[in-house]
Amino acid sequence: MASVLTEDLIYEILSVVEEIPPGKVASYGQIAKLTGREKNARLVGKILSMSEYYGDYPCHRVVNHAGRLAPHFSEQRRLLLEEKVKFKDNTHVDMKKCRWDC
């Protein structure tokens, strides 16, 4: 993965994440597709897990394709609730109501 994970790629993905408006969410796969890497949703997750080293990005607005929150991101639910994101249950965002249409 080291040869794939360049700073240019990191900033390309983070710049897409930065465009997600408050109150909306995107999936890892959606971000991957927007950057021309449709089969690299896990790579997007890896980059988002390191985002704190590159600046302040709204990574809390990225969930899996079913709307499930990141399991090790304890603040994610609170941050999304502050932005009035709708939930189906405690761990899943309502993707029909809150998906970012880009």
PDB file of N, CA and C in Angstrom:
ATOM      1  N   MET A   1       0.817  -1.196   0.000  1.00  0.00           N
ATOM      2  CA  MET A   1       0.000   0.000   0.000  1.00  0.00           C
ATOM      3  C   MET A   1       0.861   1.259   0.000  1.00  0.00           C
ATOM      4  N   ALA A   2       2.076   1.180   0.464  1.00  0.00           N
ATOM      5  CA  ALA A   2       2.930   2.355   0.559  1.00  0.00           C
ATOM      6  C   ALA A   2       3.096   3.045  -0.785  1.00  0.00           C
ATOM      7  N   SER A   3       3.183   2.278  -1.885  1.00  0.00           N
ATOM      8  CA  SER A   3       3.351   2.898  -3.190  1.00  0.00           C
ATOM      9  C   SER A   3       2.060   3.572  -3.656  1.00  0.00           C
ATOM     10  N   VAL A   4       0.913   3.157  -3.141  1.00  0.00           N
ATOM     11  CA  VAL A   4      -0.375   3.739  -3.520  1.00  0.00           C
ATOM     12  C   VAL A   4      -0.687   4.963  -2.668  1.00  0.00           C
ATOM     13  N   LEU A   5      -0.297   4.947  -1.437  1.00  0.00           N
ATOM     14  CA  LEU A   5      -0.661   5.983  -0.473  1.00  0.00           C
ATOM     15  C   LEU A   5       0.322   7.156  -0.540  1.00  0.00           C
ATOM     16  N   THR A   6       0.061   8.084  -1.442  1.00  0.00           N
ATOM     17  CA  THR A   6       0.912   9.265  -1.591  1.00  0.00           C
ATOM     18  C   THR A   6       0.221  10.465  -0.957  1.00  0.00           C
ATOM     19  N   GLU A   7       0.984  11.503  -0.713  1.00  0.00           N
ATOM     20  CA  GLU A   7       0.387  12.720  -0.150  1.00  0.00           C
ATOM     21  C   GLU A   7      -0.617  13.328  -1.115  1.00  0.00           C
ATOM     22  N   ASP A   8      -0.348  13.243  -2.414  1.00  0.00           N
ATOM     23  CA  ASP A   8      -1.307  13.765  -3.395  1.00  0.00           C
ATOM     24  C   ASP A   8      -2.645  13.041  -3.281  1.00  0.00           C
ATOM     25  N   LEU A   9      -2.602  11.728  -3.150  1.00  0.00           N
ATOM     26  CA  LEU A   9      -3.828  10.941  -3.008  1.00  0.00           C
ATOM     27  C   LEU A   9      -4.541  11.290  -1.706  1.00  0.00           C
ATOM     28  N   ILE A  10      -3.792  11.410  -0.647  1.00  0.00           N
ATOM     29  CA  ILE A  10      -4.372  11.752   0.659  1.00  0.00           C
ATOM     30  C   ILE A  10      -5.115  13.081   0.570  1.00  0.00           C
ATOM     31  N   TYR A  11      -4.473  14.094   0.018  1.00  0.00           N
ATOM     32  CA  TYR A  11      -5.111  15.405  -0.074  1.00  0.00           C
ATOM     33  C   TYR A  11      -6.263  15.416  -1.079  1.00  0.00           C
ATOM     34  N   GLU A  12      -6.190  14.590  -2.117  1.00  0.00           N
ATOM     35  CA  GLU A  12      -7.292  14.489  -3.074  1.00  0.00           C
ATOM     36  C   GLU A  12      -8.549  13.952  -2.374  1.00  0.00           C
ATOM     37  N   ILE A  13      -8.382  12.906  -1.589  1.00  0.00           N
ATOM     38  CA  ILE A  13      -9.518  12.323  -0.867  1.00  0.00           C
ATOM     39  C   ILE A  13     -10.027  13.279   0.203  1.00  0.00           C
ATOM     40  N   LEU A  14      -9.128  13.884   0.948  1.00  0.00           N
ATOM     41  CA  LEU A  14      -9.547  14.813   1.998  1.00  0.00           C
ATOM     42  C   LEU A  14     -10.236  16.048   1.419  1.00  0.00           C
ATOM     43  N   SER A  15      -9.848  16.463   0.223  1.00  0.00           N
ATOM     44  CA  SER A  15     -10.510  17.623  -0.386  1.00  0.00           C
ATOM     45  C   SER A  15     -11.948  17.292  -0.773  1.00  0.00           C
ATOM     46  N   VAL A  16     -12.228  16.043  -1.161  1.00  0.00           N
ATOM     47  CA  VAL A  16     -13.601  15.634  -1.444  1.00  0.00           C
ATOM     48  C   VAL A  16     -14.397  15.595  -0.142  1.00  0.00           C
ATOM     49  N   VAL A  17     -13.815  15.040   0.904  1.00  0.00           N
ATOM     50  CA  VAL A  17     -14.487  14.981   2.208  1.00  0.00           C
ATOM     51  C   VAL A  17     -14.822  16.387   2.693  1.00  0.00           C
ATOM     52  N   GLU A  18     -13.945  17.313   2.441  1.00  0.00           N
ATOM     53  CA  GLU A  18     -14.140  18.698   2.862  1.00  0.00           C
ATOM     54  C   GLU A  18     -15.373  19.333   2.195  1.00  0.00           C
ATOM     55  N   GLU A  19     -15.783  18.806   1.050  1.00  0.00           N
ATOM     56  CA  GLU A  19     -16.923  19.346   0.312  1.00  0.00           C
ATOM     57  C   GLU A  19     -18.279  18.850   0.834  1.00  0.00           C
ATOM     58  N   ILE A  20     -18.293  17.821   1.676  1.00  0.00           N
ATOM     59  CA  ILE A  20     -19.555  17.292   2.193  1.00  0.00           C
ATOM     60  C   ILE A  20     -20.171  18.355   3.096  1.00  0.00           C
ATOM     61  N   PRO A  21     -21.386  18.797   2.772  1.00  0.00           N
ATOM     62  CA  PRO A  21     -21.985  19.867   3.576  1.00  0.00           C
ATOM     63  C   PRO A  21     -22.471  19.378   4.942  1.00  0.00           C
ATOM     64  N   PRO A  22     -22.550  20.271   5.908  1.00  0.00           N
ATOM     65  CA  PRO A  22     -23.107  19.902   7.215  1.00  0.00           C
ATOM     66  C   PRO A  22     -24.521  19.341   7.046  1.00  0.00           C
ATOM     67  N   GLY A  23     -24.830  18.312   7.817  1.00  0.00           N
ATOM     68  CA  GLY A  23     -26.141  17.697   7.751  1.00  0.00           C
ATOM     69  C   GLY A  23     -26.251  16.595   6.706  1.00  0.00           C
ATOM     70  N   LYS A  24     -25.173  16.353   5.971  1.00  0.00           N
ATOM     71  CA  LYS A  24     -25.144  15.306   4.950  1.00  0.00           C
ATOM     72  C   LYS A  24     -24.010  14.340   5.247  1.00  0.00           C
ATOM     73  N   VAL A  25     -24.120  13.126   4.720  1.00  0.00           N
ATOM     74  CA  VAL A  25     -23.060  12.127   4.853  1.00  0.00           C
ATOM     75  C   VAL A  25     -22.774  11.513   3.490  1.00  0.00           C
ATOM     76  N   ALA A  26     -21.593  10.958   3.362  1.00  0.00           N
ATOM     77  CA  ALA A  26     -21.193  10.215   2.169  1.00  0.00           C
ATOM     78  C   ALA A  26     -20.631   8.882   2.625  1.00  0.00           C
ATOM     79  N   SER A  27     -20.626   7.920   1.725  1.00  0.00           N
ATOM     80  CA  SER A  27     -20.043   6.622   2.061  1.00  0.00           C
ATOM     81  C   SER A  27     -18.581   6.585   1.609  1.00  0.00           C
ATOM     82  N   TYR A  28     -17.841   5.648   2.173  1.00  0.00           N
ATOM     83  CA  TYR A  28     -16.442   5.458   1.763  1.00  0.00           C
ATOM     84  C   TYR A  28     -16.381   5.175   0.266  1.00  0.00           C
ATOM     85  N   GLY A  29     -17.299   4.322  -0.212  1.00  0.00           N
ATOM     86  CA  GLY A  29     -17.344   3.985  -1.633  1.00  0.00           C
ATOM     87  C   GLY A  29     -17.664   5.177  -2.502  1.00  0.00           C
ATOM     88  N   GLN A  30     -18.530   6.043  -2.036  1.00  0.00           N
ATOM     89  CA  GLN A  30     -18.887   7.254  -2.776  1.00  0.00           C
ATOM     90  C   GLN A  30     -17.662   8.147  -2.928  1.00  0.00           C
ATOM     91  N   ILE A  31     -16.901   8.300  -1.864  1.00  0.00           N
ATOM     92  CA  ILE A  31     -15.676   9.111  -1.911  1.00  0.00           C
ATOM     93  C   ILE A  31     -14.674   8.468  -2.875  1.00  0.00           C
ATOM     94  N   ALA A  32     -14.541   7.149  -2.794  1.00  0.00           N
ATOM     95  CA  ALA A  32     -13.624   6.433  -3.693  1.00  0.00           C
ATOM     96  C   ALA A  32     -14.027   6.663  -5.150  1.00  0.00           C
ATOM     97  N   LYS A  33     -15.307   6.557  -5.436  1.00  0.00           N
ATOM     98  CA  LYS A  33     -15.791   6.745  -6.810  1.00  0.00           C
ATOM     99  C   LYS A  33     -15.537   8.172  -7.292  1.00  0.00           C
ATOM    100  N   LEU A  34     -15.763   9.149  -6.444  1.00  0.00           N
ATOM    101  CA  LEU A  34     -15.552  10.549  -6.819  1.00  0.00           C
ATOM    102  C   LEU A  34     -14.093  10.856  -7.135  1.00  0.00           C
ATOM    103  N   THR A  35     -13.185  10.057  -6.604  1.00  0.00           N
ATOM    104  CA  THR A  35     -11.760  10.269  -6.870  1.00  0.00           C
ATOM    105  C   THR A  35     -11.233   9.316  -7.938  1.00  0.00           C
ATOM    106  N   GLY A  36     -12.158   8.600  -8.605  1.00  0.00           N
ATOM    107  CA  GLY A  36     -11.749   7.695  -9.675  1.00  0.00           C
ATOM    108  C   GLY A  36     -11.164   6.384  -9.203  1.00  0.00           C
ATOM    109  N   ARG A  37     -11.450   6.006  -7.962  1.00  0.00           N
ATOM    110  CA  ARG A  37     -10.917   4.760  -7.379  1.00  0.00           C
ATOM    111  C   ARG A  37     -12.064   3.930  -6.823  1.00  0.00           C
ATOM    112  N   GLU A  38     -12.993   3.544  -7.691  1.00  0.00           N
ATOM    113  CA  GLU A  38     -14.237   2.901  -7.274  1.00  0.00           C
ATOM    114  C   GLU A  38     -14.067   1.678  -6.377  1.00  0.00           C
ATOM    115  N   LYS A  39     -12.993   0.962  -6.519  1.00  0.00           N
ATOM    116  CA  LYS A  39     -12.795  -0.272  -5.748  1.00  0.00           C
ATOM    117  C   LYS A  39     -11.917  -0.066  -4.518  1.00  0.00           C
ATOM    118  N   ASN A  40     -11.739   1.171  -4.119  1.00  0.00           N
ATOM    119  CA  ASN A  40     -10.824   1.463  -3.016  1.00  0.00           C
ATOM    120  C   ASN A  40     -11.482   2.137  -1.816  1.00  0.00           C
ATOM    121  N   ALA A  41     -12.669   1.687  -1.447  1.00  0.00           N
ATOM    122  CA  ALA A  41     -13.353   2.257  -0.283  1.00  0.00           C
ATOM    123  C   ALA A  41     -12.529   2.067   0.989  1.00  0.00           C
ATOM    124  N   ARG A  42     -11.865   0.935   1.114  1.00  0.00           N
ATOM    125  CA  ARG A  42     -11.047   0.695   2.316  1.00  0.00           C
ATOM    126  C   ARG A  42      -9.854   1.648   2.384  1.00  0.00           C
ATOM    127  N   LEU A  43      -9.320   1.978   1.226  1.00  0.00           N
ATOM    128  CA  LEU A  43      -8.226   2.948   1.184  1.00  0.00           C
ATOM    129  C   LEU A  43      -8.713   4.308   1.698  1.00  0.00           C
ATOM    130  N   VAL A  44      -9.937   4.681   1.320  1.00  0.00           N
ATOM    131  CA  VAL A  44     -10.526   5.927   1.818  1.00  0.00           C
ATOM    132  C   VAL A  44     -10.610   5.873   3.339  1.00  0.00           C
ATOM    133  N   GLY A  45     -11.084   4.764   3.886  1.00  0.00           N
ATOM    134  CA  GLY A  45     -11.162   4.608   5.340  1.00  0.00           C
ATOM    135  C   GLY A  45      -9.801   4.732   6.003  1.00  0.00           C
ATOM    136  N   LYS A  46      -8.803   4.140   5.404  1.00  0.00           N
ATOM    137  CA  LYS A  46      -7.436   4.207   5.940  1.00  0.00           C
ATOM    138  C   LYS A  46      -6.955   5.662   5.986  1.00  0.00           C
ATOM    139  N   ILE A  47      -7.202   6.389   4.896  1.00  0.00           N
ATOM    140  CA  ILE A  47      -6.775   7.785   4.837  1.00  0.00           C
ATOM    141  C   ILE A  47      -7.527   8.623   5.868  1.00  0.00           C
ATOM    142  N   LEU A  48      -8.822   8.388   6.010  1.00  0.00           N
ATOM    143  CA  LEU A  48      -9.590   9.162   6.978  1.00  0.00           C
ATOM    144  C   LEU A  48      -9.140   8.884   8.407  1.00  0.00           C
ATOM    145  N   SER A  49      -8.678   7.674   8.660  1.00  0.00           N
ATOM    146  CA  SER A  49      -8.198   7.354  10.010  1.00  0.00           C
ATOM    147  C   SER A  49      -6.915   8.109  10.355  1.00  0.00           C
ATOM    148  N   MET A  50      -6.233   8.633   9.337  1.00  0.00           N
ATOM    149  CA  MET A  50      -4.988   9.385   9.552  1.00  0.00           C
ATOM    150  C   MET A  50      -5.172  10.882   9.320  1.00  0.00           C
ATOM    151  N   SER A  51      -6.394  11.316   9.089  1.00  0.00           N
ATOM    152  CA  SER A  51      -6.642  12.698   8.656  1.00  0.00           C
ATOM    153  C   SER A  51      -6.160  13.754   9.646  1.00  0.00           C
ATOM    154  N   GLU A  52      -6.146  13.429  10.922  1.00  0.00           N
ATOM    155  CA  GLU A  52      -5.736  14.416  11.928  1.00  0.00           C
ATOM    156  C   GLU A  52      -4.318  14.925  11.698  1.00  0.00           C
ATOM    157  N   TYR A  53      -3.500  14.152  10.987  1.00  0.00           N
ATOM    158  CA  TYR A  53      -2.122  14.569  10.707  1.00  0.00           C
ATOM    159  C   TYR A  53      -2.040  15.555   9.546  1.00  0.00           C
ATOM    160  N   TYR A  54      -3.163  15.757   8.838  1.00  0.00           N
ATOM    161  CA  TYR A  54      -3.167  16.593   7.638  1.00  0.00           C
ATOM    162  C   TYR A  54      -4.035  17.838   7.762  1.00  0.00           C
ATOM    163  N   GLY A  55      -4.697  18.008   8.875  1.00  0.00           N
ATOM    164  CA  GLY A  55      -5.538  19.180   9.068  1.00  0.00           C
ATOM    165  C   GLY A  55      -6.871  18.802   9.680  1.00  0.00           C
ATOM    166  N   ASP A  56      -7.782  19.738   9.636  1.00  0.00           N
ATOM    167  CA  ASP A  56      -9.102  19.548  10.235  1.00  0.00           C
ATOM    168  C   ASP A  56     -10.125  19.302   9.132  1.00  0.00           C
ATOM    169  N   TYR A  57     -10.580  18.078   8.991  1.00  0.00           N
ATOM    170  CA  TYR A  57     -11.523  17.691   7.949  1.00  0.00           C
ATOM    171  C   TYR A  57     -12.754  17.061   8.594  1.00  0.00           C
ATOM    172  N   PRO A  58     -13.924  17.212   7.964  1.00  0.00           N
ATOM    173  CA  PRO A  58     -15.160  16.670   8.537  1.00  0.00           C
ATOM    174  C   PRO A  58     -15.329  15.169   8.262  1.00  0.00           C
ATOM    175  N   CYS A  59     -14.389  14.388   8.706  1.00  0.00           N
ATOM    176  CA  CYS A  59     -14.411  12.942   8.470  1.00  0.00           C
ATOM    177  C   CYS A  59     -15.588  12.259   9.152  1.00  0.00           C
ATOM    178  N   HIS A  60     -16.178  12.924  10.132  1.00  0.00           N
ATOM    179  CA  HIS A  60     -17.349  12.351  10.801  1.00  0.00           C
ATOM    180  C   HIS A  60     -18.527  12.234   9.847  1.00  0.00           C
ATOM    181  N   ARG A  61     -18.462  12.890   8.704  1.00  0.00           N
ATOM    182  CA  ARG A  61     -19.547  12.839   7.720  1.00  0.00           C
ATOM    183  C   ARG A  61     -19.421  11.679   6.745  1.00  0.00           C
ATOM    184  N   VAL A  62     -18.489  10.776   7.002  1.00  0.00           N
ATOM    185  CA  VAL A  62     -18.311   9.608   6.129  1.00  0.00           C
ATOM    186  C   VAL A  62     -18.666   8.350   6.920  1.00  0.00           C
ATOM    187  N   VAL A  63     -19.547   7.543   6.335  1.00  0.00           N
ATOM    188  CA  VAL A  63     -20.038   6.306   6.956  1.00  0.00           C
ATOM    189  C   VAL A  63     -19.947   5.183   5.929  1.00  0.00           C
ATOM    190  N   ASN A  64     -20.268   3.951   6.319  1.00  0.00           N
ATOM    191  CA  ASN A  64     -20.235   2.888   5.325  1.00  0.00           C
ATOM    192  C   ASN A  64     -21.484   2.945   4.451  1.00  0.00           C
ATOM    193  N   HIS A  65     -21.553   2.088   3.453  1.00  0.00           N
ATOM    194  CA  HIS A  65     -22.639   2.160   2.468  1.00  0.00           C
ATOM    195  C   HIS A  65     -24.032   1.987   3.080  1.00  0.00           C
ATOM    196  N   ALA A  66     -24.121   1.317   4.215  1.00  0.00           N
ATOM    197  CA  ALA A  66     -25.403   1.106   4.890  1.00  0.00           C
ATOM    198  C   ALA A  66     -25.696   2.192   5.923  1.00  0.00           C
ATOM    199  N   GLY A  67     -24.787   3.160   6.049  1.00  0.00           N
ATOM    200  CA  GLY A  67     -24.982   4.238   7.011  1.00  0.00           C
ATOM    201  C   GLY A  67     -24.401   3.958   8.383  1.00  0.00           C
ATOM    202  N   ARG A  68     -23.699   2.836   8.529  1.00  0.00           N
ATOM    203  CA  ARG A  68     -23.138   2.478   9.838  1.00  0.00           C
ATOM    204  C   ARG A  68     -21.973   3.392  10.194  1.00  0.00           C
ATOM    205  N   LEU A  69     -21.947   3.803  11.439  1.00  0.00           N
ATOM    206  CA  LEU A  69     -20.868   4.638  11.952  1.00  0.00           C
ATOM    207  C   LEU A  69     -19.579   3.844  12.063  1.00  0.00           C
ATOM    208  N   ALA A  70     -18.459   4.555  12.066  1.00  0.00           N
ATOM    209  CA  ALA A  70     -17.156   3.909  12.249  1.00  0.00           C
ATOM    210  C   ALA A  70     -17.072   3.371  13.669  1.00  0.00           C
ATOM    211  N   PRO A  71     -16.720   2.103  13.843  1.00  0.00           N
ATOM    212  CA  PRO A  71     -16.762   1.486  15.176  1.00  0.00           C
ATOM    213  C   PRO A  71     -15.808   2.087  16.208  1.00  0.00           C
ATOM    214  N   HIS A  72     -14.713   2.685  15.786  1.00  0.00           N
ATOM    215  CA  HIS A  72     -13.739   3.201  16.748  1.00  0.00           C
ATOM    216  C   HIS A  72     -13.717   4.731  16.792  1.00  0.00           C
ATOM    217  N   PHE A  73     -14.786   5.363  16.323  1.00  0.00           N
ATOM    218  CA  PHE A  73     -14.875   6.828  16.269  1.00  0.00           C
ATOM    219  C   PHE A  73     -16.007   7.244  17.205  1.00  0.00           C
ATOM    220  N   SER A  74     -15.696   7.300  18.492  1.00  0.00           N
ATOM    221  CA  SER A  74     -16.716   7.495  19.529  1.00  0.00           C
ATOM    222  C   SER A  74     -17.451   8.829  19.424  1.00  0.00           C
ATOM    223  N   GLU A  75     -16.846   9.842  18.865  1.00  0.00           N
ATOM    224  CA  GLU A  75     -17.468  11.164  18.768  1.00  0.00           C
ATOM    225  C   GLU A  75     -18.344  11.328  17.519  1.00  0.00           C
ATOM    226  N   GLN A  76     -18.302  10.378  16.606  1.00  0.00           N
ATOM    227  CA  GLN A  76     -18.977  10.541  15.322  1.00  0.00           C
ATOM    228  C   GLN A  76     -20.477  10.781  15.465  1.00  0.00           C
ATOM    229  N   ARG A  77     -21.145   9.990  16.256  1.00  0.00           N
ATOM    230  CA  ARG A  77     -22.594  10.142  16.427  1.00  0.00           C
ATOM    231  C   ARG A  77     -22.941  11.527  16.975  1.00  0.00           C
ATOM    232  N   ARG A  78     -22.233  11.956  18.003  1.00  0.00           N
ATOM    233  CA  ARG A  78     -22.503  13.265  18.600  1.00  0.00           C
ATOM    234  C   ARG A  78     -22.309  14.386  17.576  1.00  0.00           C
ATOM    235  N   LEU A  79     -21.226  14.319  16.815  1.00  0.00           N
ATOM    236  CA  LEU A  79     -20.948  15.351  15.819  1.00  0.00           C
ATOM    237  C   LEU A  79     -22.039  15.396  14.750  1.00  0.00           C
ATOM    238  N   LEU A  80     -22.501  14.223  14.319  1.00  0.00           N
ATOM    239  CA  LEU A  80     -23.564  14.182  13.312  1.00  0.00           C
ATOM    240  C   LEU A  80     -24.892  14.675  13.874  1.00  0.00           C
ATOM    241  N   LEU A  81     -25.187  14.310  15.113  1.00  0.00           N
ATOM    242  CA  LEU A  81     -26.422  14.792  15.734  1.00  0.00           C
ATOM    243  C   LEU A  81     -26.417  16.323  15.864  1.00  0.00           C
ATOM    244  N   GLU A  82     -25.271  16.893  16.158  1.00  0.00           N
ATOM    245  CA  GLU A  82     -25.152  18.351  16.242  1.00  0.00           C
ATOM    246  C   GLU A  82     -25.460  19.011  14.905  1.00  0.00           C
ATOM    247  N   GLU A  83     -25.246  18.284  13.810  1.00  0.00           N
ATOM    248  CA  GLU A  83     -25.532  18.801  12.470  1.00  0.00           C
ATOM    249  C   GLU A  83     -26.927  18.404  11.996  1.00  0.00           C
ATOM    250  N   LYS A  84     -27.726  17.837  12.897  1.00  0.00           N
ATOM    251  CA  LYS A  84     -29.117  17.444  12.608  1.00  0.00           C
ATOM    252  C   LYS A  84     -29.232  16.295  11.610  1.00  0.00           C
ATOM    253  N   VAL A  85     -28.225  15.419  11.553  1.00  0.00           N
ATOM    254  CA  VAL A  85     -28.290  14.231  10.716  1.00  0.00           C
ATOM    255  C   VAL A  85     -29.285  13.264  11.349  1.00  0.00           C
ATOM    256  N   LYS A  86     -30.145  12.680  10.519  1.00  0.00           N
ATOM    257  CA  LYS A  86     -31.169  11.745  10.991  1.00  0.00           C
ATOM    258  C   LYS A  86     -30.590  10.333  11.079  1.00  0.00           C
ATOM    259  N   PHE A  87     -30.976   9.609  12.132  1.00  0.00           N
ATOM    260  CA  PHE A  87     -30.519   8.241  12.351  1.00  0.00           C
ATOM    261  C   PHE A  87     -31.688   7.273  12.278  1.00  0.00           C
ATOM    262  N   LYS A  88     -31.403   6.060  11.781  1.00  0.00           N
ATOM    263  CA  LYS A  88     -32.398   4.981  11.804  1.00  0.00           C
ATOM    264  C   LYS A  88     -32.377   4.280  13.151  1.00  0.00           C
ATOM    265  N   ASP A  89     -31.188   4.163  13.738  1.00  0.00           N
ATOM    266  CA  ASP A  89     -31.001   3.582  15.062  1.00  0.00           C
ATOM    267  C   ASP A  89     -29.722   4.178  15.650  1.00  0.00           C
ATOM    268  N   ASN A  90     -29.211   3.624  16.735  1.00  0.00           N
ATOM    269  CA  ASN A  90     -28.040   4.218  17.406  1.00  0.00           C
ATOM    270  C   ASN A  90     -26.762   4.204  16.577  1.00  0.00           C
ATOM    271  N   THR A  91     -26.663   3.284  15.628  1.00  0.00           N
ATOM    272  CA  THR A  91     -25.406   3.145  14.898  1.00  0.00           C
ATOM    273  C   THR A  91     -25.528   3.344  13.394  1.00  0.00           C
ATOM    274  N   HIS A  92     -26.723   3.691  12.898  1.00  0.00           N
ATOM    275  CA  HIS A  92     -26.919   3.835  11.455  1.00  0.00           C
ATOM    276  C   HIS A  92     -27.602   5.151  11.101  1.00  0.00           C
ATOM    277  N   VAL A  93     -26.962   5.894  10.206  1.00  0.00           N
ATOM    278  CA  VAL A  93     -27.525   7.118   9.658  1.00  0.00           C
ATOM    279  C   VAL A  93     -28.618   6.734   8.665  1.00  0.00           C
ATOM    280  N   ASP A  94     -29.643   7.548   8.557  1.00  0.00           N
ATOM    281  CA  ASP A  94     -30.684   7.330   7.549  1.00  0.00           C
ATOM    282  C   ASP A  94     -30.149   7.852   6.213  1.00  0.00           C
ATOM    283  N   MET A  95     -29.601   6.947   5.412  1.00  0.00           N
ATOM    284  CA  MET A  95     -28.962   7.327   4.155  1.00  0.00           C
ATOM    285  C   MET A  95     -29.959   7.908   3.152  1.00  0.00           C
ATOM    286  N   LYS A  96     -31.211   7.488   3.208  1.00  0.00           N
ATOM    287  CA  LYS A  96     -32.205   8.028   2.272  1.00  0.00           C
ATOM    288  C   LYS A  96     -32.440   9.519   2.509  1.00  0.00           C
ATOM    289  N   LYS A  97     -32.347   9.937   3.756  1.00  0.00           N
ATOM    290  CA  LYS A  97     -32.594  11.340   4.092  1.00  0.00           C
ATOM    291  C   LYS A  97     -31.336  12.196   4.106  1.00  0.00           C
ATOM    292  N   CYS A  98     -30.184  11.570   4.336  1.00  0.00           N
ATOM    293  CA  CYS A  98     -28.977  12.371   4.602  1.00  0.00           C
ATOM    294  C   CYS A  98     -27.813  12.164   3.639  1.00  0.00           C
ATOM    295  N   ARG A  99     -27.984  11.301   2.632  1.00  0.00           N
ATOM    296  CA  ARG A  99     -26.867  11.071   1.692  1.00  0.00           C
ATOM    297  C   ARG A  99     -26.589  12.352   0.902  1.00  0.00           C
ATOM    298  N   TRP A 100     -25.316  12.640   0.768  1.00  0.00           N
ATOM    299  CA  TRP A 100     -24.847  13.791  -0.012  1.00  0.00           C
ATOM    300  C   TRP A 100     -25.031  13.480  -1.490  1.00  0.00           C
ATOM    301  N   ASP A 101     -25.815  14.279  -2.173  1.00  0.00           N
ATOM    302  CA  ASP A 101     -25.997  14.129  -3.618  1.00  0.00           C
ATOM    303  C   ASP A 101     -25.035  15.050  -4.322  1.00  0.00           C
ATOM    304  N   CYS A 102     -23.936  14.478  -4.753  1.00  0.00           N
ATOM    305  CA  CYS A 102     -22.913  15.292  -5.402  1.00  0.00           C
ATOM    306  C   CYS A 102     -22.848  15.023  -6.887  1.00  0.00           C
TER     307      CYS A 102
END
